[in-house]
Amino acid sequence: QAGGSLRLSCIASGRTSSVVAFGWFRQAPGKEREFVSAIKMSDDNT
């Protein structure tokens, strides 16, 4: 419901040592994929 909360998780496997950054994107019906958030692995910049 509007006003509520959720926590999404993203589990990586494989060659994870090569990951530079994670990003979250979203796509609503009829719209382009858009940036939501990202985190850089080297310094946790968000």
ModelCIF file with pLDDT and N, C-alpha, C, O atoms, coordinates in Angstrom:
data_MODEL
#
_entry.id   MODEL 
#
_entity.id                         1 
_entity.type                       polymer 
_entity.pdbx_number_of_molecules   1 
#
_entity_poly.entity_id                      1 
_entity_poly.type                           'polypeptide(L)' 
_entity_poly.nstd_linkage                   no 
_entity_poly.nstd_monomer                   no 
_entity_poly.pdbx_seq_one_letter_code       QAGGSLRLSCIASGRTSSVVAFGWFRQAPGKEREFVSAIKMSDDNT 
_entity_poly.pdbx_seq_one_letter_code_can   QAGGSLRLSCIASGRTSSVVAFGWFRQAPGKEREFVSAIKMSDDNT 
_entity_poly.pdbx_strand_id                 A 
#
loop_
_entity_poly_seq.entity_id 
_entity_poly_seq.num 
_entity_poly_seq.mon_id 
_entity_poly_seq.hetero 
1 1  GLN n 
1 2  ALA n 
1 3  GLY n 
1 4  GLY n 
1 5  SER n 
1 6  LEU n 
1 7  ARG n 
1 8  LEU n 
1 9  SER n 
1 10 CYS n 
1 11 ILE n 
1 12 ALA n 
1 13 SER n 
1 14 GLY n 
1 15 ARG n 
1 16 THR n 
1 17 SER n 
1 18 SER n 
1 19 VAL n 
1 20 VAL n 
1 21 ALA n 
1 22 PHE n 
1 23 GLY n 
1 24 TRP n 
1 25 PHE n 
1 26 ARG n 
1 27 GLN n 
1 28 ALA n 
1 29 PRO n 
1 30 GLY n 
1 31 LYS n 
1 32 GLU n 
1 33 ARG n 
1 34 GLU n 
1 35 PHE n 
1 36 VAL n 
1 37 SER n 
1 38 ALA n 
1 39 ILE n 
1 40 LYS n 
1 41 MET n 
1 42 SER n 
1 43 ASP n 
1 44 ASP n 
1 45 ASN n 
1 46 THR n 
#
_struct_asym.id          A 
_struct_asym.entity_id   1 
#
loop_
_ma_qa_metric.id 
_ma_qa_metric.mode 
_ma_qa_metric.name 
_ma_qa_metric.software_group_id 
_ma_qa_metric.type 
1 global pLDDT . pLDDT 
2 local  pLDDT . pLDDT 
#
_ma_qa_metric_global.metric_id      1 
_ma_qa_metric_global.metric_value   95.98 
_ma_qa_metric_global.model_id       1 
_ma_qa_metric_global.ordinal_id     1 
#
loop_
_ma_qa_metric_local.label_asym_id 
_ma_qa_metric_local.label_comp_id 
_ma_qa_metric_local.label_seq_id 
_ma_qa_metric_local.metric_id 
_ma_qa_metric_local.metric_value 
_ma_qa_metric_local.model_id 
_ma_qa_metric_local.ordinal_id 
A GLN 1  2 98.00 1 1  
A ALA 2  2 98.00 1 2  
A GLY 3  2 98.00 1 3  
A GLY 4  2 98.00 1 4  
A SER 5  2 98.00 1 5  
A LEU 6  2 98.00 1 6  
A ARG 7  2 98.00 1 7  
A LEU 8  2 98.00 1 8  
A SER 9  2 98.00 1 9  
A CYS 10 2 98.00 1 10 
A ILE 11 2 97.00 1 11 
A ALA 12 2 97.00 1 12 
A SER 13 2 96.00 1 13 
A GLY 14 2 95.00 1 14 
A ARG 15 2 93.00 1 15 
A THR 16 2 91.00 1 16 
A SER 17 2 91.00 1 17 
A SER 18 2 91.00 1 18 
A VAL 19 2 93.00 1 19 
A VAL 20 2 94.00 1 20 
A ALA 21 2 96.00 1 21 
A PHE 22 2 97.00 1 22 
A GLY 23 2 98.00 1 23 
A TRP 24 2 98.00 1 24 
A PHE 25 2 98.00 1 25 
A ARG 26 2 98.00 1 26 
A GLN 27 2 98.00 1 27 
A ALA 28 2 97.00 1 28 
A PRO 29 2 93.00 1 29 
A GLY 30 2 95.00 1 30 
A LYS 31 2 97.00 1 31 
A GLU 32 2 97.00 1 32 
A ARG 33 2 97.00 1 33 
A GLU 34 2 98.00 1 34 
A PHE 35 2 98.00 1 35 
A VAL 36 2 98.00 1 36 
A SER 37 2 98.00 1 37 
A ALA 38 2 98.00 1 38 
A ILE 39 2 97.00 1 39 
A LYS 40 2 95.00 1 40 
A MET 41 2 92.00 1 41 
A SER 42 2 90.00 1 42 
A ASP 43 2 90.00 1 43 
A ASP 44 2 92.00 1 44 
A ASN 45 2 95.00 1 45 
A THR 46 2 97.00 1 46 
#
loop_
_atom_site.group_PDB 
_atom_site.id 
_atom_site.type_symbol 
_atom_site.label_atom_id 
_atom_site.label_alt_id 
_atom_site.label_comp_id 
_atom_site.label_asym_id 
_atom_site.label_entity_id 
_atom_site.label_seq_id 
_atom_site.pdbx_PDB_ins_code 
_atom_site.Cartn_x 
_atom_site.Cartn_y 
_atom_site.Cartn_z 
_atom_site.occupancy 
_atom_site.B_iso_or_equiv 
_atom_site.pdbx_formal_charge 
_atom_site.auth_seq_id 
_atom_site.auth_comp_id 
_atom_site.auth_asym_id 
_atom_site.auth_atom_id 
_atom_site.pdbx_PDB_model_num 
ATOM 1   N N  . GLN A 1 1  ? 0.834  -1.200  0.000   1.00 98.00 ? 1  GLN A N  1 
ATOM 2   C CA . GLN A 1 1  ? 0.000  0.000   0.000   1.00 98.00 ? 1  GLN A CA 1 
ATOM 3   C C  . GLN A 1 1  ? 0.874  1.256   0.000   1.00 98.00 ? 1  GLN A C  1 
ATOM 4   O O  . GLN A 1 1  ? 2.003  1.245   0.489   1.00 98.00 ? 1  GLN A O  1 
ATOM 5   N N  . ALA A 1 2  ? 0.340  2.312   -0.545  1.00 98.00 ? 2  ALA A N  1 
ATOM 6   C CA . ALA A 1 2  ? 1.055  3.589   -0.512  1.00 98.00 ? 2  ALA A CA 1 
ATOM 7   C C  . ALA A 1 2  ? 1.376  3.952   0.935   1.00 98.00 ? 2  ALA A C  1 
ATOM 8   O O  . ALA A 1 2  ? 0.544  3.805   1.830   1.00 98.00 ? 2  ALA A O  1 
ATOM 9   N N  . GLY A 1 3  ? 2.595  4.428   1.139   1.00 98.00 ? 3  GLY A N  1 
ATOM 10  C CA . GLY A 1 3  ? 3.064  4.728   2.485   1.00 98.00 ? 3  GLY A CA 1 
ATOM 11  C C  . GLY A 1 3  ? 3.794  3.584   3.147   1.00 98.00 ? 3  GLY A C  1 
ATOM 12  O O  . GLY A 1 3  ? 4.420  3.766   4.191   1.00 98.00 ? 3  GLY A O  1 
ATOM 13  N N  . GLY A 1 4  ? 3.723  2.410   2.554   1.00 98.00 ? 4  GLY A N  1 
ATOM 14  C CA . GLY A 1 4  ? 4.369  1.236   3.119   1.00 98.00 ? 4  GLY A CA 1 
ATOM 15  C C  . GLY A 1 4  ? 5.815  1.127   2.724   1.00 98.00 ? 4  GLY A C  1 
ATOM 16  O O  . GLY A 1 4  ? 6.357  2.003   2.051   1.00 98.00 ? 4  GLY A O  1 
ATOM 17  N N  . SER A 1 5  ? 6.450  0.029   3.153   1.00 98.00 ? 5  SER A N  1 
ATOM 18  C CA . SER A 1 5  ? 7.875  -0.204  2.920   1.00 98.00 ? 5  SER A CA 1 
ATOM 19  C C  . SER A 1 5  ? 8.107  -1.591  2.355   1.00 98.00 ? 5  SER A C  1 
ATOM 20  O O  . SER A 1 5  ? 7.326  -2.515  2.583   1.00 98.00 ? 5  SER A O  1 
ATOM 21  N N  . LEU A 1 6  ? 9.190  -1.716  1.619   1.00 98.00 ? 6  LEU A N  1 
ATOM 22  C CA . LEU A 1 6  ? 9.653  -3.000  1.104   1.00 98.00 ? 6  LEU A CA 1 
ATOM 23  C C  . LEU A 1 6  ? 11.170 -2.967  1.074   1.00 98.00 ? 6  LEU A C  1 
ATOM 24  O O  . LEU A 1 6  ? 11.782 -1.904  0.966   1.00 98.00 ? 6  LEU A O  1 
ATOM 25  N N  . ARG A 1 7  ? 11.772 -4.154  1.171   1.00 98.00 ? 7  ARG A N  1 
ATOM 26  C CA . ARG A 1 7  ? 13.210 -4.258  0.961   1.00 98.00 ? 7  ARG A CA 1 
ATOM 27  C C  . ARG A 1 7  ? 13.478 -5.253  -0.159  1.00 98.00 ? 7  ARG A C  1 
ATOM 28  O O  . ARG A 1 7  ? 13.124 -6.429  -0.067  1.00 98.00 ? 7  ARG A O  1 
ATOM 29  N N  . LEU A 1 8  ? 14.102 -4.766  -1.201  1.00 98.00 ? 8  LEU A N  1 
ATOM 30  C CA . LEU A 1 8  ? 14.494 -5.628  -2.305  1.00 98.00 ? 8  LEU A CA 1 
ATOM 31  C C  . LEU A 1 8  ? 15.912 -6.127  -2.074  1.00 98.00 ? 8  LEU A C  1 
ATOM 32  O O  . LEU A 1 8  ? 16.750 -5.428  -1.504  1.00 98.00 ? 8  LEU A O  1 
ATOM 33  N N  . SER A 1 9  ? 16.162 -7.351  -2.528  1.00 98.00 ? 9  SER A N  1 
ATOM 34  C CA . SER A 1 9  ? 17.502 -7.930  -2.436  1.00 98.00 ? 9  SER A CA 1 
ATOM 35  C C  . SER A 1 9  ? 17.977 -8.325  -3.816  1.00 98.00 ? 9  SER A C  1 
ATOM 36  O O  . SER A 1 9  ? 17.183 -8.686  -4.686  1.00 98.00 ? 9  SER A O  1 
ATOM 37  N N  . CYS A 1 10 ? 19.285 -8.252  -4.005  1.00 98.00 ? 10 CYS A N  1 
ATOM 38  C CA . CYS A 1 10 ? 19.905 -8.684  -5.255  1.00 98.00 ? 10 CYS A CA 1 
ATOM 39  C C  . CYS A 1 10 ? 21.128 -9.505  -4.879  1.00 98.00 ? 10 CYS A C  1 
ATOM 40  O O  . CYS A 1 10 ? 22.090 -8.985  -4.314  1.00 98.00 ? 10 CYS A O  1 
ATOM 41  N N  . ILE A 1 11 ? 21.081 -10.778 -5.193  1.00 97.00 ? 11 ILE A N  1 
ATOM 42  C CA . ILE A 1 11 ? 22.193 -11.679 -4.872  1.00 97.00 ? 11 ILE A CA 1 
ATOM 43  C C  . ILE A 1 11 ? 22.992 -11.941 -6.135  1.00 97.00 ? 11 ILE A C  1 
ATOM 44  O O  . ILE A 1 11 ? 22.451 -12.352 -7.161  1.00 97.00 ? 11 ILE A O  1 
ATOM 45  N N  . ALA A 1 12 ? 24.300 -11.694 -6.039  1.00 97.00 ? 12 ALA A N  1 
ATOM 46  C CA . ALA A 1 12 ? 25.195 -11.902 -7.178  1.00 97.00 ? 12 ALA A CA 1 
ATOM 47  C C  . ALA A 1 12 ? 25.977 -13.192 -7.001  1.00 97.00 ? 12 ALA A C  1 
ATOM 48  O O  . ALA A 1 12 ? 26.366 -13.555 -5.890  1.00 97.00 ? 12 ALA A O  1 
ATOM 49  N N  . SER A 1 13 ? 26.200 -13.872 -8.107  1.00 96.00 ? 13 SER A N  1 
ATOM 50  C CA . SER A 1 13 ? 27.031 -15.085 -8.095  1.00 96.00 ? 13 SER A CA 1 
ATOM 51  C C  . SER A 1 13 ? 27.885 -15.093 -9.353  1.00 96.00 ? 13 SER A C  1 
ATOM 52  O O  . SER A 1 13 ? 27.646 -14.338 -10.296 1.00 96.00 ? 13 SER A O  1 
ATOM 53  N N  . GLY A 1 14 ? 28.883 -15.962 -9.345  1.00 95.00 ? 14 GLY A N  1 
ATOM 54  C CA . GLY A 1 14 ? 29.805 -16.005 -10.475 1.00 95.00 ? 14 GLY A CA 1 
ATOM 55  C C  . GLY A 1 14 ? 31.041 -15.184 -10.168 1.00 95.00 ? 14 GLY A C  1 
ATOM 56  O O  . GLY A 1 14 ? 31.583 -15.260 -9.065  1.00 95.00 ? 14 GLY A O  1 
ATOM 57  N N  . ARG A 1 15 ? 31.492 -14.395 -11.143 1.00 93.00 ? 15 ARG A N  1 
ATOM 58  C CA . ARG A 1 15 ? 32.721 -13.635 -11.008 1.00 93.00 ? 15 ARG A CA 1 
ATOM 59  C C  . ARG A 1 15 ? 32.475 -12.326 -10.268 1.00 93.00 ? 15 ARG A C  1 
ATOM 60  O O  . ARG A 1 15 ? 32.659 -11.247 -10.831 1.00 93.00 ? 15 ARG A O  1 
ATOM 61  N N  . THR A 1 16 ? 32.063 -12.420 -9.014  1.00 91.00 ? 16 THR A N  1 
ATOM 62  C CA . THR A 1 16 ? 31.667 -11.234 -8.257  1.00 91.00 ? 16 THR A CA 1 
ATOM 63  C C  . THR A 1 16 ? 32.851 -10.352 -7.886  1.00 91.00 ? 16 THR A C  1 
ATOM 64  O O  . THR A 1 16 ? 32.657 -9.180  -7.563  1.00 91.00 ? 16 THR A O  1 
ATOM 65  N N  . SER A 1 17 ? 34.065 -10.880 -7.921  1.00 91.00 ? 17 SER A N  1 
ATOM 66  C CA . SER A 1 17 ? 35.229 -10.066 -7.575  1.00 91.00 ? 17 SER A CA 1 
ATOM 67  C C  . SER A 1 17 ? 35.461 -8.960  -8.586  1.00 91.00 ? 17 SER A C  1 
ATOM 68  O O  . SER A 1 17 ? 36.183 -8.006  -8.296  1.00 91.00 ? 17 SER A O  1 
ATOM 69  N N  . SER A 1 18 ? 34.867 -9.065  -9.763  1.00 91.00 ? 18 SER A N  1 
ATOM 70  C CA . SER A 1 18 ? 35.056 -8.068  -10.817 1.00 91.00 ? 18 SER A CA 1 
ATOM 71  C C  . SER A 1 18 ? 34.051 -6.925  -10.749 1.00 91.00 ? 18 SER A C  1 
ATOM 72  O O  . SER A 1 18 ? 34.146 -5.970  -11.519 1.00 91.00 ? 18 SER A O  1 
ATOM 73  N N  . VAL A 1 19 ? 33.084 -7.016  -9.828  1.00 93.00 ? 19 VAL A N  1 
ATOM 74  C CA . VAL A 1 19 ? 32.001 -6.019  -9.793  1.00 93.00 ? 19 VAL A CA 1 
ATOM 75  C C  . VAL A 1 19 ? 32.524 -4.663  -9.337  1.00 93.00 ? 19 VAL A C  1 
ATOM 76  O O  . VAL A 1 19 ? 33.147 -4.550  -8.282  1.00 93.00 ? 19 VAL A O  1 
ATOM 77  N N  . VAL A 1 20 ? 32.269 -3.644  -10.134 1.00 94.00 ? 20 VAL A N  1 
ATOM 78  C CA . VAL A 1 20 ? 32.657 -2.267  -9.825  1.00 94.00 ? 20 VAL A CA 1 
ATOM 79  C C  . VAL A 1 20 ? 31.522 -1.547  -9.105  1.00 94.00 ? 20 VAL A C  1 
ATOM 80  O O  . VAL A 1 20 ? 31.755 -0.798  -8.156  1.00 94.00 ? 20 VAL A O  1 
ATOM 81  N N  . ALA A 1 21 ? 30.311 -1.775  -9.555  1.00 96.00 ? 21 ALA A N  1 
ATOM 82  C CA . ALA A 1 21 ? 29.154 -1.097  -8.964  1.00 96.00 ? 21 ALA A CA 1 
ATOM 83  C C  . ALA A 1 21 ? 27.900 -1.916  -9.208  1.00 96.00 ? 21 ALA A C  1 
ATOM 84  O O  . ALA A 1 21 ? 27.790 -2.650  -10.190 1.00 96.00 ? 21 ALA A O  1 
ATOM 85  N N  . PHE A 1 22 ? 26.964 -1.768  -8.290  1.00 97.00 ? 22 PHE A N  1 
ATOM 86  C CA . PHE A 1 22 ? 25.608 -2.298  -8.434  1.00 97.00 ? 22 PHE A CA 1 
ATOM 87  C C  . PHE A 1 22 ? 24.671 -1.127  -8.697  1.00 97.00 ? 22 PHE A C  1 
ATOM 88  O O  . PHE A 1 22 ? 24.849 -0.027  -8.173  1.00 97.00 ? 22 PHE A O  1 
ATOM 89  N N  . GLY A 1 23 ? 23.678 -1.396  -9.516  1.00 98.00 ? 23 GLY A N  1 
ATOM 90  C CA . GLY A 1 23 ? 22.667 -0.384  -9.739  1.00 98.00 ? 23 GLY A CA 1 
ATOM 91  C C  . GLY A 1 23 ? 21.280 -0.986  -9.634  1.00 98.00 ? 23 GLY A C  1 
ATOM 92  O O  . GLY A 1 23 ? 21.069 -2.169  -9.901  1.00 98.00 ? 23 GLY A O  1 
ATOM 93  N N  . TRP A 1 24 ? 20.344 -0.144  -9.239  1.00 98.00 ? 24 TRP A N  1 
ATOM 94  C CA . TRP A 1 24 ? 18.922 -0.519  -9.273  1.00 98.00 ? 24 TRP A CA 1 
ATOM 95  C C  . TRP A 1 24 ? 18.232 0.390   -10.288 1.00 98.00 ? 24 TRP A C  1 
ATOM 96  O O  . TRP A 1 24 ? 18.404 1.608   -10.271 1.00 98.00 ? 24 TRP A O  1 
ATOM 97  N N  . PHE A 1 25 ? 17.462 -0.217  -11.155 1.00 98.00 ? 25 PHE A N  1 
ATOM 98  C CA . PHE A 1 25 ? 16.671 0.496   -12.142 1.00 98.00 ? 25 PHE A CA 1 
ATOM 99  C C  . PHE A 1 25 ? 15.225 0.023   -12.018 1.00 98.00 ? 25 PHE A C  1 
ATOM 100 O O  . PHE A 1 25 ? 14.950 -1.002  -11.395 1.00 98.00 ? 25 PHE A O  1 
ATOM 101 N N  . ARG A 1 26 ? 14.315 0.771   -12.610 1.00 98.00 ? 26 ARG A N  1 
ATOM 102 C CA . ARG A 1 26 ? 12.923 0.347   -12.631 1.00 98.00 ? 26 ARG A CA 1 
ATOM 103 C C  . ARG A 1 26 ? 12.297 0.715   -13.960 1.00 98.00 ? 26 ARG A C  1 
ATOM 104 O O  . ARG A 1 26 ? 12.721 1.644   -14.648 1.00 98.00 ? 26 ARG A O  1 
ATOM 105 N N  . GLN A 1 27 ? 11.275 -0.049  -14.291 1.00 98.00 ? 27 GLN A N  1 
ATOM 106 C CA . GLN A 1 27 ? 10.569 0.195   -15.544 1.00 98.00 ? 27 GLN A CA 1 
ATOM 107 C C  . GLN A 1 27 ? 9.079  0.017   -15.308 1.00 98.00 ? 27 GLN A C  1 
ATOM 108 O O  . GLN A 1 27 ? 8.610  -1.072  -14.976 1.00 98.00 ? 27 GLN A O  1 
ATOM 109 N N  . ALA A 1 28 ? 8.345  1.106   -15.487 1.00 97.00 ? 28 ALA A N  1 
ATOM 110 C CA . ALA A 1 28 ? 6.894  1.071   -15.370 1.00 97.00 ? 28 ALA A CA 1 
ATOM 111 C C  . ALA A 1 28 ? 6.305  0.734   -16.739 1.00 97.00 ? 28 ALA A C  1 
ATOM 112 O O  . ALA A 1 28 ? 6.960  0.936   -17.761 1.00 97.00 ? 28 ALA A O  1 
ATOM 113 N N  . PRO A 1 29 ? 5.074  0.225   -16.766 1.00 93.00 ? 29 PRO A N  1 
ATOM 114 C CA . PRO A 1 29 ? 4.453  -0.126  -18.053 1.00 93.00 ? 29 PRO A CA 1 
ATOM 115 C C  . PRO A 1 29 ? 4.416  1.061   -19.000 1.00 93.00 ? 29 PRO A C  1 
ATOM 116 O O  . PRO A 1 29 ? 3.970  2.147   -18.629 1.00 93.00 ? 29 PRO A O  1 
ATOM 117 N N  . GLY A 1 30 ? 4.888  0.851   -20.228 1.00 95.00 ? 30 GLY A N  1 
ATOM 118 C CA . GLY A 1 30 ? 4.858  1.895   -21.235 1.00 95.00 ? 30 GLY A CA 1 
ATOM 119 C C  . GLY A 1 30 ? 5.931  2.954   -21.087 1.00 95.00 ? 30 GLY A C  1 
ATOM 120 O O  . GLY A 1 30 ? 5.938  3.936   -21.829 1.00 95.00 ? 30 GLY A O  1 
ATOM 121 N N  . LYS A 1 31 ? 6.842  2.769   -20.134 1.00 97.00 ? 31 LYS A N  1 
ATOM 122 C CA . LYS A 1 31 ? 7.892  3.764   -19.918 1.00 97.00 ? 31 LYS A CA 1 
ATOM 123 C C  . LYS A 1 31 ? 9.264  3.143   -20.102 1.00 97.00 ? 31 LYS A C  1 
ATOM 124 O O  . LYS A 1 31 ? 9.411  1.921   -20.112 1.00 97.00 ? 31 LYS A O  1 
ATOM 125 N N  . GLU A 1 32 ? 10.261 3.994   -20.247 1.00 97.00 ? 32 GLU A N  1 
ATOM 126 C CA . GLU A 1 32 ? 11.627 3.525   -20.382 1.00 97.00 ? 32 GLU A CA 1 
ATOM 127 C C  . GLU A 1 32 ? 12.188 3.146   -19.009 1.00 97.00 ? 32 GLU A C  1 
ATOM 128 O O  . GLU A 1 32 ? 11.722 3.605   -17.966 1.00 97.00 ? 32 GLU A O  1 
ATOM 129 N N  . ARG A 1 33 ? 13.201 2.295   -19.059 1.00 97.00 ? 33 ARG A N  1 
ATOM 130 C CA . ARG A 1 33 ? 13.874 1.926   -17.825 1.00 97.00 ? 33 ARG A CA 1 
ATOM 131 C C  . ARG A 1 33 ? 14.584 3.151   -17.268 1.00 97.00 ? 33 ARG A C  1 
ATOM 132 O O  . ARG A 1 33 ? 15.245 3.884   -18.005 1.00 97.00 ? 33 ARG A O  1 
ATOM 133 N N  . GLU A 1 34 ? 14.445 3.372   -15.953 1.00 98.00 ? 34 GLU A N  1 
ATOM 134 C CA . GLU A 1 34 ? 15.024 4.561   -15.352 1.00 98.00 ? 34 GLU A CA 1 
ATOM 135 C C  . GLU A 1 34 ? 15.883 4.207   -14.142 1.00 98.00 ? 34 GLU A C  1 
ATOM 136 O O  . GLU A 1 34 ? 15.654 3.206   -13.463 1.00 98.00 ? 34 GLU A O  1 
ATOM 137 N N  . PHE A 1 35 ? 16.869 5.048   -13.895 1.00 98.00 ? 35 PHE A N  1 
ATOM 138 C CA . PHE A 1 35 ? 17.789 4.862   -12.785 1.00 98.00 ? 35 PHE A CA 1 
ATOM 139 C C  . PHE A 1 35 ? 17.092 5.125   -11.457 1.00 98.00 ? 35 PHE A C  1 
ATOM 140 O O  . PHE A 1 35 ? 16.297 6.057   -11.330 1.00 98.00 ? 35 PHE A O  1 
ATOM 141 N N  . VAL A 1 36 ? 17.400 4.295   -10.475 1.00 98.00 ? 36 VAL A N  1 
ATOM 142 C CA . VAL A 1 36 ? 16.865 4.489   -9.127  1.00 98.00 ? 36 VAL A CA 1 
ATOM 143 C C  . VAL A 1 36 ? 18.002 4.802   -8.157  1.00 98.00 ? 36 VAL A C  1 
ATOM 144 O O  . VAL A 1 36 ? 17.989 5.828   -7.477  1.00 98.00 ? 36 VAL A O  1 
ATOM 145 N N  . SER A 1 37 ? 18.987 3.901   -8.102  1.00 98.00 ? 37 SER A N  1 
ATOM 146 C CA . SER A 1 37 ? 20.055 4.043   -7.119  1.00 98.00 ? 37 SER A CA 1 
ATOM 147 C C  . SER A 1 37 ? 21.243 3.186   -7.542  1.00 98.00 ? 37 SER A C  1 
ATOM 148 O O  . SER A 1 37 ? 21.101 2.267   -8.350  1.00 98.00 ? 37 SER A O  1 
ATOM 149 N N  . ALA A 1 38 ? 22.416 3.495   -6.989  1.00 98.00 ? 38 ALA A N  1 
ATOM 150 C CA . ALA A 1 38 ? 23.617 2.708   -7.274  1.00 98.00 ? 38 ALA A CA 1 
ATOM 151 C C  . ALA A 1 38 ? 24.583 2.808   -6.107  1.00 98.00 ? 38 ALA A C  1 
ATOM 152 O O  . ALA A 1 38 ? 24.525 3.741   -5.306  1.00 98.00 ? 38 ALA A O  1 
ATOM 153 N N  . ILE A 1 39 ? 25.464 1.835   -6.028  1.00 97.00 ? 39 ILE A N  1 
ATOM 154 C CA . ILE A 1 39 ? 26.496 1.836   -4.993  1.00 97.00 ? 39 ILE A CA 1 
ATOM 155 C C  . ILE A 1 39 ? 27.799 1.350   -5.602  1.00 97.00 ? 39 ILE A C  1 
ATOM 156 O O  . ILE A 1 39 ? 27.839 0.357   -6.329  1.00 97.00 ? 39 ILE A O  1 
ATOM 157 N N  . LYS A 1 40 ? 28.872 2.083   -5.282  1.00 95.00 ? 40 LYS A N  1 
ATOM 158 C CA . LYS A 1 40 ? 30.190 1.733   -5.790  1.00 95.00 ? 40 LYS A CA 1 
ATOM 159 C C  . LYS A 1 40 ? 30.889 0.838   -4.787  1.00 95.00 ? 40 LYS A C  1 
ATOM 160 O O  . LYS A 1 40 ? 30.940 1.153   -3.598  1.00 95.00 ? 40 LYS A O  1 
ATOM 161 N N  . MET A 1 41 ? 31.426 -0.271  -5.256  1.00 92.00 ? 41 MET A N  1 
ATOM 162 C CA . MET A 1 41 ? 31.963 -1.267  -4.344  1.00 92.00 ? 41 MET A CA 1 
ATOM 163 C C  . MET A 1 41 ? 33.244 -0.819  -3.650  1.00 92.00 ? 41 MET A C  1 
ATOM 164 O O  . MET A 1 41 ? 33.492 -1.217  -2.512  1.00 92.00 ? 41 MET A O  1 
ATOM 165 N N  . SER A 1 42 ? 34.059 -0.005  -4.305  1.00 90.00 ? 42 SER A N  1 
ATOM 166 C CA . SER A 1 42 ? 35.367 0.332   -3.741  1.00 90.00 ? 42 SER A CA 1 
ATOM 167 C C  . SER A 1 42 ? 35.278 1.197   -2.501  1.00 90.00 ? 42 SER A C  1 
ATOM 168 O O  . SER A 1 42 ? 36.113 1.083   -1.604  1.00 90.00 ? 42 SER A O  1 
ATOM 169 N N  . ASP A 1 43 ? 34.259 2.076   -2.439  1.00 90.00 ? 43 ASP A N  1 
ATOM 170 C CA . ASP A 1 43 ? 34.168 2.996   -1.299  1.00 90.00 ? 43 ASP A CA 1 
ATOM 171 C C  . ASP A 1 43 ? 32.755 3.144   -0.756  1.00 90.00 ? 43 ASP A C  1 
ATOM 172 O O  . ASP A 1 43 ? 32.498 3.992   0.098   1.00 90.00 ? 43 ASP A O  1 
ATOM 173 N N  . ASP A 1 44 ? 31.839 2.319   -1.252  1.00 92.00 ? 44 ASP A N  1 
ATOM 174 C CA . ASP A 1 44 ? 30.431 2.363   -0.817  1.00 92.00 ? 44 ASP A CA 1 
ATOM 175 C C  . ASP A 1 44 ? 29.762 3.706   -1.089  1.00 92.00 ? 44 ASP A C  1 
ATOM 176 O O  . ASP A 1 44 ? 28.764 4.032   -0.447  1.00 92.00 ? 44 ASP A O  1 
ATOM 177 N N  . ASN A 1 45 ? 30.283 4.481   -2.011  1.00 95.00 ? 45 ASN A N  1 
ATOM 178 C CA . ASN A 1 45 ? 29.571 5.698   -2.405  1.00 95.00 ? 45 ASN A CA 1 
ATOM 179 C C  . ASN A 1 45 ? 28.217 5.319   -2.988  1.00 95.00 ? 45 ASN A C  1 
ATOM 180 O O  . ASN A 1 45 ? 28.095 4.356   -3.746  1.00 95.00 ? 45 ASN A O  1 
ATOM 181 N N  . THR A 1 46 ? 27.204 6.096   -2.620  1.00 97.00 ? 46 THR A N  1 
ATOM 182 C CA . THR A 1 46 ? 25.862 5.802   -3.097  1.00 97.00 ? 46 THR A CA 1 
ATOM 183 C C  . THR A 1 46 ? 25.322 6.946   -3.949  1.00 97.00 ? 46 THR A C  1 
ATOM 184 O O  . THR A 1 46 ? 24.196 6.872   -4.440  1.00 97.00 ? 46 THR A O  1 
#
